[in-house]
Amino acid sequence: MSENRTGNTPDTSASATVGIDELLERVRAGYDRIGPHEAAAAAEAGALLVDIRYAALRDRDGLVPSALVVERNELEWRLDPRGSHRAAEAVGHDLQIVLLCNEGYASSLAVASLRQLGLHRATDLIGGFQAWRAAGLPVTSPPPKA
């Protein structure tokens, strides 16, 4: 077994690991999540809705009209206000950001990452895009492919 930077052998026993359900619970305990109508009201008040679903899901189910689309693998680079590849909407660390994925799981993990970048008002939509749509909130069809 290799040693870590401190010269100690890392603990790889089962007691040192955490399953995804426990990790999700820990992450979510660190912030308040919001429901679809709260997310819509937050967007109207200036929050940035960010859709992190991959293209196939957006093509299948549609889009939230006011949401910025940033796929999960680009999220930190696009929303870090100090980043060289930031989106124009990433105006500061105090910006309220509401992430939505398909069902509200990946977005929770993404919130933890954004909070590590200092985006302390980042949260996510409980139930994701599917909850947004089920609540009867606006959804548009994706543009036709060329």
N, C-alpha and C. Protein backbone atom coordinates (compact mmCIF):
# COMPACT_ATOMS: atom_id res chain seq x y z
N MET A 1 0.85 -1.18 0.00
CA MET A 1 0.00 0.00 0.00
C MET A 1 0.89 1.23 0.00
N SER A 2 0.53 2.24 -0.77
CA SER A 2 1.35 3.44 -0.86
C SER A 2 1.07 4.38 0.30
N GLU A 3 2.04 5.24 0.58
CA GLU A 3 1.89 6.21 1.65
C GLU A 3 1.35 7.52 1.08
N ASN A 4 0.63 8.28 1.92
CA ASN A 4 0.16 9.59 1.48
C ASN A 4 1.24 10.63 1.73
N ARG A 5 0.95 11.89 1.48
CA ARG A 5 1.96 12.96 1.60
C ARG A 5 2.54 13.09 2.99
N THR A 6 1.80 12.72 4.00
CA THR A 6 2.30 12.85 5.37
C THR A 6 3.17 11.66 5.77
N GLY A 7 3.28 10.68 4.87
CA GLY A 7 4.07 9.50 5.18
C GLY A 7 3.26 8.41 5.85
N ASN A 8 2.01 8.68 6.10
CA ASN A 8 1.14 7.68 6.73
C ASN A 8 0.45 6.84 5.66
N THR A 9 0.19 5.62 6.00
CA THR A 9 -0.57 4.76 5.10
C THR A 9 -2.04 5.11 5.24
N PRO A 10 -2.72 5.42 4.13
CA PRO A 10 -4.13 5.80 4.24
C PRO A 10 -4.99 4.64 4.72
N ASP A 11 -6.05 4.98 5.45
CA ASP A 11 -6.98 3.98 5.96
C ASP A 11 -7.97 3.65 4.86
N THR A 12 -7.90 2.45 4.32
CA THR A 12 -8.82 2.05 3.25
C THR A 12 -9.78 0.98 3.74
N SER A 13 -9.91 0.86 5.05
CA SER A 13 -10.84 -0.13 5.59
C SER A 13 -12.27 0.31 5.31
N ALA A 14 -13.18 -0.61 5.44
CA ALA A 14 -14.60 -0.32 5.20
C ALA A 14 -15.10 0.79 6.11
N SER A 15 -14.54 0.91 7.32
CA SER A 15 -15.00 1.94 8.25
C SER A 15 -14.61 3.34 7.78
N ALA A 16 -13.63 3.46 6.90
CA ALA A 16 -13.20 4.77 6.41
C ALA A 16 -13.95 5.19 5.15
N THR A 17 -14.74 4.30 4.60
CA THR A 17 -15.47 4.62 3.38
C THR A 17 -16.88 5.08 3.71
N VAL A 18 -17.49 5.73 2.74
CA VAL A 18 -18.86 6.19 2.90
C VAL A 18 -19.61 5.83 1.62
N GLY A 19 -20.82 5.38 1.76
CA GLY A 19 -21.64 5.06 0.59
C GLY A 19 -22.28 6.32 0.04
N ILE A 20 -22.79 6.24 -1.16
CA ILE A 20 -23.38 7.41 -1.81
C ILE A 20 -24.58 7.94 -1.05
N ASP A 21 -25.40 7.07 -0.47
CA ASP A 21 -26.57 7.55 0.27
C ASP A 21 -26.15 8.37 1.48
N GLU A 22 -25.14 7.89 2.19
CA GLU A 22 -24.65 8.64 3.35
C GLU A 22 -23.98 9.94 2.91
N LEU A 23 -23.21 9.90 1.85
CA LEU A 23 -22.58 11.11 1.35
C LEU A 23 -23.64 12.14 0.97
N LEU A 24 -24.67 11.72 0.27
CA LEU A 24 -25.75 12.61 -0.13
C LEU A 24 -26.41 13.23 1.10
N GLU A 25 -26.66 12.41 2.12
CA GLU A 25 -27.26 12.91 3.36
C GLU A 25 -26.37 13.95 4.03
N ARG A 26 -25.08 13.68 4.08
CA ARG A 26 -24.13 14.63 4.70
C ARG A 26 -24.09 15.95 3.93
N VAL A 27 -24.02 15.86 2.62
CA VAL A 27 -23.96 17.06 1.79
C VAL A 27 -25.21 17.90 1.99
N ARG A 28 -26.37 17.27 1.91
CA ARG A 28 -27.63 17.99 2.02
C ARG A 28 -27.85 18.59 3.40
N ALA A 29 -27.24 18.03 4.42
CA ALA A 29 -27.37 18.57 5.77
C ALA A 29 -26.70 19.94 5.89
N GLY A 30 -25.85 20.28 4.94
CA GLY A 30 -25.09 21.53 5.01
C GLY A 30 -25.77 22.73 4.38
N TYR A 31 -26.95 22.59 3.83
CA TYR A 31 -27.64 23.71 3.21
C TYR A 31 -29.13 23.41 3.11
N ASP A 32 -29.91 24.45 2.82
CA ASP A 32 -31.35 24.30 2.65
C ASP A 32 -31.68 24.14 1.18
N ARG A 33 -32.35 23.06 0.85
CA ARG A 33 -32.81 22.81 -0.52
C ARG A 33 -34.15 23.50 -0.72
N ILE A 34 -34.55 23.73 -1.96
CA ILE A 34 -35.82 24.40 -2.21
C ILE A 34 -36.67 23.61 -3.20
N GLY A 35 -37.98 23.84 -3.12
CA GLY A 35 -38.93 23.20 -4.01
C GLY A 35 -39.11 23.98 -5.30
N PRO A 36 -39.89 23.44 -6.22
CA PRO A 36 -40.07 24.06 -7.53
C PRO A 36 -40.61 25.50 -7.48
N HIS A 37 -41.65 25.74 -6.69
CA HIS A 37 -42.22 27.08 -6.65
C HIS A 37 -41.26 28.07 -5.98
N GLU A 38 -40.52 27.60 -4.99
CA GLU A 38 -39.49 28.45 -4.37
C GLU A 38 -38.39 28.78 -5.37
N ALA A 39 -38.02 27.80 -6.19
CA ALA A 39 -36.99 28.04 -7.20
C ALA A 39 -37.46 29.05 -8.23
N ALA A 40 -38.72 28.94 -8.65
CA ALA A 40 -39.27 29.89 -9.62
C ALA A 40 -39.29 31.30 -9.03
N ALA A 41 -39.70 31.41 -7.76
CA ALA A 41 -39.73 32.73 -7.10
C ALA A 41 -38.31 33.28 -6.94
N ALA A 42 -37.36 32.40 -6.62
CA ALA A 42 -35.97 32.84 -6.48
C ALA A 42 -35.45 33.38 -7.81
N ALA A 43 -35.78 32.69 -8.90
CA ALA A 43 -35.34 33.14 -10.23
C ALA A 43 -35.94 34.50 -10.55
N GLU A 44 -37.21 34.69 -10.22
CA GLU A 44 -37.84 35.98 -10.46
C GLU A 44 -37.18 37.08 -9.64
N ALA A 45 -36.64 36.73 -8.48
CA ALA A 45 -35.99 37.70 -7.61
C ALA A 45 -34.50 37.88 -7.94
N GLY A 46 -34.02 37.20 -8.99
CA GLY A 46 -32.64 37.40 -9.42
C GLY A 46 -31.70 36.23 -9.25
N ALA A 47 -32.17 35.12 -8.70
CA ALA A 47 -31.31 33.94 -8.57
C ALA A 47 -31.02 33.37 -9.96
N LEU A 48 -29.91 32.72 -10.08
CA LEU A 48 -29.52 32.08 -11.32
C LEU A 48 -29.91 30.60 -11.27
N LEU A 49 -30.86 30.20 -12.11
CA LEU A 49 -31.20 28.78 -12.25
C LEU A 49 -30.21 28.18 -13.22
N VAL A 50 -29.65 27.04 -12.86
CA VAL A 50 -28.65 26.40 -13.71
C VAL A 50 -29.05 24.95 -13.92
N ASP A 51 -29.29 24.59 -15.16
CA ASP A 51 -29.67 23.24 -15.56
C ASP A 51 -28.41 22.47 -15.88
N ILE A 52 -28.10 21.43 -15.08
CA ILE A 52 -26.87 20.67 -15.28
C ILE A 52 -27.13 19.32 -15.95
N ARG A 53 -28.35 19.10 -16.45
CA ARG A 53 -28.66 17.83 -17.12
C ARG A 53 -27.87 17.72 -18.42
N TYR A 54 -27.61 16.50 -18.81
CA TYR A 54 -26.91 16.30 -20.08
C TYR A 54 -27.89 16.45 -21.24
N ALA A 55 -27.34 16.65 -22.42
CA ALA A 55 -28.12 17.02 -23.60
C ALA A 55 -29.26 16.06 -23.91
N ALA A 56 -29.05 14.76 -23.77
CA ALA A 56 -30.10 13.80 -24.11
C ALA A 56 -31.34 14.00 -23.25
N LEU A 57 -31.17 14.35 -21.99
CA LEU A 57 -32.32 14.61 -21.13
C LEU A 57 -33.01 15.92 -21.51
N ARG A 58 -32.23 16.93 -21.84
CA ARG A 58 -32.83 18.19 -22.27
C ARG A 58 -33.58 18.00 -23.57
N ASP A 59 -33.00 17.22 -24.48
CA ASP A 59 -33.67 16.94 -25.76
C ASP A 59 -34.95 16.15 -25.56
N ARG A 60 -34.94 15.23 -24.62
CA ARG A 60 -36.11 14.39 -24.37
C ARG A 60 -37.22 15.16 -23.66
N ASP A 61 -36.87 15.93 -22.62
CA ASP A 61 -37.88 16.50 -21.72
C ASP A 61 -38.12 17.99 -21.88
N GLY A 62 -37.21 18.70 -22.50
CA GLY A 62 -37.37 20.14 -22.65
C GLY A 62 -36.49 20.93 -21.70
N LEU A 63 -36.74 22.23 -21.68
CA LEU A 63 -35.88 23.16 -20.95
C LEU A 63 -36.71 24.04 -20.02
N VAL A 64 -36.09 24.51 -18.95
CA VAL A 64 -36.66 25.56 -18.12
C VAL A 64 -36.27 26.86 -18.81
N PRO A 65 -37.25 27.66 -19.25
CA PRO A 65 -36.94 28.83 -20.08
C PRO A 65 -35.91 29.80 -19.50
N SER A 66 -35.92 30.00 -18.20
CA SER A 66 -35.02 30.99 -17.61
C SER A 66 -33.68 30.42 -17.15
N ALA A 67 -33.47 29.13 -17.34
CA ALA A 67 -32.26 28.49 -16.81
C ALA A 67 -31.07 28.61 -17.75
N LEU A 68 -29.91 28.81 -17.14
CA LEU A 68 -28.65 28.74 -17.85
C LEU A 68 -28.28 27.26 -17.94
N VAL A 69 -27.95 26.78 -19.11
CA VAL A 69 -27.55 25.38 -19.28
C VAL A 69 -26.04 25.29 -19.17
N VAL A 70 -25.60 24.52 -18.19
CA VAL A 70 -24.17 24.25 -17.99
C VAL A 70 -24.09 22.78 -17.59
N GLU A 71 -23.59 21.96 -18.47
CA GLU A 71 -23.50 20.54 -18.13
C GLU A 71 -22.56 20.34 -16.94
N ARG A 72 -22.83 19.30 -16.19
CA ARG A 72 -22.15 19.06 -14.93
C ARG A 72 -20.63 19.09 -15.05
N ASN A 73 -20.09 18.56 -16.11
CA ASN A 73 -18.63 18.49 -16.22
C ASN A 73 -17.97 19.85 -16.43
N GLU A 74 -18.74 20.90 -16.70
CA GLU A 74 -18.18 22.25 -16.87
C GLU A 74 -18.57 23.19 -15.74
N LEU A 75 -19.36 22.74 -14.80
CA LEU A 75 -20.02 23.59 -13.83
C LEU A 75 -19.07 24.51 -13.06
N GLU A 76 -18.07 23.95 -12.44
CA GLU A 76 -17.17 24.76 -11.61
C GLU A 76 -16.44 25.81 -12.44
N TRP A 77 -16.02 25.45 -13.63
CA TRP A 77 -15.30 26.40 -14.49
C TRP A 77 -16.20 27.54 -14.93
N ARG A 78 -17.46 27.26 -15.17
CA ARG A 78 -18.39 28.27 -15.68
C ARG A 78 -18.97 29.16 -14.58
N LEU A 79 -19.05 28.65 -13.34
CA LEU A 79 -19.69 29.45 -12.28
C LEU A 79 -18.72 30.07 -11.28
N ASP A 80 -17.46 29.73 -11.34
CA ASP A 80 -16.49 30.37 -10.45
C ASP A 80 -16.29 31.82 -10.91
N PRO A 81 -16.69 32.80 -10.09
CA PRO A 81 -16.57 34.20 -10.50
C PRO A 81 -15.14 34.64 -10.81
N ARG A 82 -14.16 33.93 -10.27
CA ARG A 82 -12.76 34.26 -10.53
C ARG A 82 -12.15 33.41 -11.63
N GLY A 83 -12.94 32.51 -12.19
CA GLY A 83 -12.41 31.57 -13.18
C GLY A 83 -12.19 32.19 -14.55
N SER A 84 -11.23 31.68 -15.25
CA SER A 84 -10.91 32.19 -16.59
C SER A 84 -11.94 31.78 -17.64
N HIS A 85 -12.76 30.80 -17.33
CA HIS A 85 -13.77 30.32 -18.28
C HIS A 85 -15.19 30.55 -17.76
N ARG A 86 -15.34 31.53 -16.90
CA ARG A 86 -16.64 31.74 -16.27
C ARG A 86 -17.68 32.24 -17.25
N ALA A 87 -18.93 31.89 -16.95
CA ALA A 87 -20.06 32.42 -17.72
C ALA A 87 -20.28 33.87 -17.31
N ALA A 88 -20.83 34.66 -18.20
CA ALA A 88 -21.10 36.07 -17.91
C ALA A 88 -22.02 36.22 -16.70
N GLU A 89 -22.87 35.25 -16.47
CA GLU A 89 -23.81 35.29 -15.35
C GLU A 89 -23.14 35.06 -13.99
N ALA A 90 -21.93 34.55 -13.98
CA ALA A 90 -21.22 34.27 -12.73
C ALA A 90 -20.58 35.56 -12.22
N VAL A 91 -21.41 36.40 -11.61
CA VAL A 91 -20.99 37.76 -11.27
C VAL A 91 -20.39 37.93 -9.89
N GLY A 92 -20.49 36.95 -9.03
CA GLY A 92 -19.91 37.09 -7.70
C GLY A 92 -20.24 35.93 -6.80
N HIS A 93 -19.53 35.86 -5.69
CA HIS A 93 -19.72 34.76 -4.75
C HIS A 93 -21.03 34.86 -3.97
N ASP A 94 -21.66 36.02 -3.98
CA ASP A 94 -22.92 36.20 -3.25
C ASP A 94 -24.15 35.88 -4.10
N LEU A 95 -23.95 35.53 -5.34
CA LEU A 95 -25.05 35.20 -6.24
C LEU A 95 -25.79 33.97 -5.73
N GLN A 96 -27.12 34.04 -5.70
CA GLN A 96 -27.89 32.85 -5.36
C GLN A 96 -27.98 31.99 -6.61
N ILE A 97 -27.58 30.74 -6.47
CA ILE A 97 -27.58 29.79 -7.57
C ILE A 97 -28.47 28.61 -7.17
N VAL A 98 -29.37 28.23 -8.08
CA VAL A 98 -30.24 27.08 -7.85
C VAL A 98 -29.94 26.08 -8.97
N LEU A 99 -29.35 24.96 -8.60
CA LEU A 99 -29.02 23.92 -9.57
C LEU A 99 -30.20 22.97 -9.74
N LEU A 100 -30.37 22.51 -10.97
CA LEU A 100 -31.35 21.46 -11.19
C LEU A 100 -30.75 20.42 -12.11
N CYS A 101 -30.92 19.18 -11.68
CA CYS A 101 -30.55 18.05 -12.52
C CYS A 101 -31.85 17.35 -12.89
N ASN A 102 -31.83 16.11 -13.20
CA ASN A 102 -33.06 15.45 -13.61
C ASN A 102 -34.00 15.18 -12.44
N GLU A 103 -33.46 14.63 -11.34
CA GLU A 103 -34.32 14.25 -10.22
C GLU A 103 -33.83 14.76 -8.87
N GLY A 104 -32.77 15.55 -8.83
CA GLY A 104 -32.34 16.15 -7.58
C GLY A 104 -31.26 15.42 -6.82
N TYR A 105 -30.51 14.56 -7.49
CA TYR A 105 -29.42 13.86 -6.82
C TYR A 105 -28.06 14.45 -7.22
N ALA A 106 -27.76 14.45 -8.50
CA ALA A 106 -26.48 15.00 -8.96
C ALA A 106 -26.33 16.46 -8.58
N SER A 107 -27.44 17.18 -8.58
CA SER A 107 -27.39 18.61 -8.23
C SER A 107 -26.95 18.81 -6.78
N SER A 108 -27.35 17.92 -5.90
CA SER A 108 -26.93 18.05 -4.50
C SER A 108 -25.42 17.92 -4.36
N LEU A 109 -24.85 16.95 -5.05
CA LEU A 109 -23.39 16.79 -5.01
C LEU A 109 -22.69 17.97 -5.65
N ALA A 110 -23.29 18.52 -6.70
CA ALA A 110 -22.70 19.69 -7.37
C ALA A 110 -22.73 20.92 -6.48
N VAL A 111 -23.78 21.06 -5.67
CA VAL A 111 -23.86 22.18 -4.73
C VAL A 111 -22.66 22.16 -3.79
N ALA A 112 -22.31 20.97 -3.30
CA ALA A 112 -21.17 20.86 -2.38
C ALA A 112 -19.91 21.39 -3.05
N SER A 113 -19.73 21.09 -4.30
CA SER A 113 -18.55 21.55 -5.03
C SER A 113 -18.56 23.07 -5.19
N LEU A 114 -19.71 23.63 -5.54
CA LEU A 114 -19.80 25.09 -5.69
C LEU A 114 -19.56 25.80 -4.36
N ARG A 115 -20.05 25.24 -3.29
CA ARG A 115 -19.83 25.85 -1.98
C ARG A 115 -18.35 25.83 -1.61
N GLN A 116 -17.63 24.82 -2.04
CA GLN A 116 -16.18 24.80 -1.80
C GLN A 116 -15.47 25.93 -2.55
N LEU A 117 -16.09 26.40 -3.63
CA LEU A 117 -15.53 27.54 -4.38
C LEU A 117 -15.95 28.88 -3.79
N GLY A 118 -16.70 28.85 -2.70
CA GLY A 118 -17.12 30.08 -2.05
C GLY A 118 -18.48 30.58 -2.48
N LEU A 119 -19.20 29.82 -3.28
CA LEU A 119 -20.54 30.20 -3.72
C LEU A 119 -21.52 29.75 -2.63
N HIS A 120 -21.54 30.51 -1.54
CA HIS A 120 -22.21 30.12 -0.31
C HIS A 120 -23.73 30.14 -0.39
N ARG A 121 -24.31 30.70 -1.44
CA ARG A 121 -25.76 30.71 -1.59
C ARG A 121 -26.24 29.67 -2.61
N ALA A 122 -25.36 28.78 -3.00
CA ALA A 122 -25.76 27.71 -3.93
C ALA A 122 -26.67 26.72 -3.23
N THR A 123 -27.70 26.29 -3.94
CA THR A 123 -28.63 25.29 -3.45
C THR A 123 -29.12 24.48 -4.65
N ASP A 124 -30.04 23.56 -4.40
CA ASP A 124 -30.59 22.81 -5.52
C ASP A 124 -32.08 22.60 -5.37
N LEU A 125 -32.67 22.20 -6.46
CA LEU A 125 -34.11 21.99 -6.55
C LEU A 125 -34.45 20.56 -6.14
N ILE A 126 -35.24 20.43 -5.10
CA ILE A 126 -35.69 19.11 -4.65
C ILE A 126 -36.49 18.46 -5.78
N GLY A 127 -36.08 17.30 -6.21
CA GLY A 127 -36.78 16.59 -7.28
C GLY A 127 -36.36 17.00 -8.68
N GLY A 128 -35.50 18.00 -8.79
CA GLY A 128 -34.93 18.40 -10.07
C GLY A 128 -35.95 18.81 -11.12
N PHE A 129 -35.56 18.67 -12.37
CA PHE A 129 -36.40 19.06 -13.49
C PHE A 129 -37.74 18.36 -13.45
N GLN A 130 -37.75 17.10 -13.05
CA GLN A 130 -39.00 16.35 -13.04
C GLN A 130 -40.00 16.97 -12.06
N ALA A 131 -39.53 17.47 -10.93
CA ALA A 131 -40.42 18.14 -9.97
C ALA A 131 -40.89 19.47 -10.52
N TRP A 132 -40.00 20.20 -11.21
CA TRP A 132 -40.36 21.47 -11.84
C TRP A 132 -41.52 21.25 -12.81
N ARG A 133 -41.35 20.28 -13.67
CA ARG A 133 -42.38 19.99 -14.67
C ARG A 133 -43.67 19.51 -14.02
N ALA A 134 -43.58 18.63 -13.03
CA ALA A 134 -44.76 18.11 -12.34
C ALA A 134 -45.52 19.22 -11.61
N ALA A 135 -44.82 20.28 -11.21
CA ALA A 135 -45.46 21.41 -10.53
C ALA A 135 -46.18 22.33 -11.52
N GLY A 136 -46.08 22.02 -12.81
CA GLY A 136 -46.75 22.82 -13.82
C GLY A 136 -46.03 24.11 -14.17
N LEU A 137 -44.76 24.19 -13.82
CA LEU A 137 -43.97 25.39 -14.15
C LEU A 137 -43.53 25.34 -15.61
N PRO A 138 -43.17 26.49 -16.18
CA PRO A 138 -42.89 26.56 -17.62
C PRO A 138 -41.76 25.63 -18.07
N VAL A 139 -42.01 24.96 -19.17
CA VAL A 139 -41.04 24.10 -19.85
C VAL A 139 -41.18 24.36 -21.33
N THR A 140 -40.07 24.55 -22.00
CA THR A 140 -40.11 24.73 -23.44
C THR A 140 -39.42 23.57 -24.13
N SER A 141 -39.80 23.33 -25.36
CA SER A 141 -39.13 22.30 -26.15
C SER A 141 -37.76 22.78 -26.53
N PRO A 142 -36.82 21.87 -26.60
CA PRO A 142 -35.47 22.28 -27.05
C PRO A 142 -35.54 22.70 -28.51
N PRO A 143 -34.61 23.55 -28.93
CA PRO A 143 -34.58 23.94 -30.34
C PRO A 143 -34.34 22.73 -31.23
N PRO A 144 -34.91 22.71 -32.43
CA PRO A 144 -34.69 21.57 -33.32
C PRO A 144 -33.22 21.46 -33.70
N LYS A 145 -32.78 20.23 -33.85
CA LYS A 145 -31.38 20.02 -34.24
C LYS A 145 -31.21 20.32 -35.72
N ALA A 146 -30.09 20.92 -36.01
CA ALA A 146 -29.81 21.29 -37.41
C ALA A 146 -29.40 20.08 -38.21
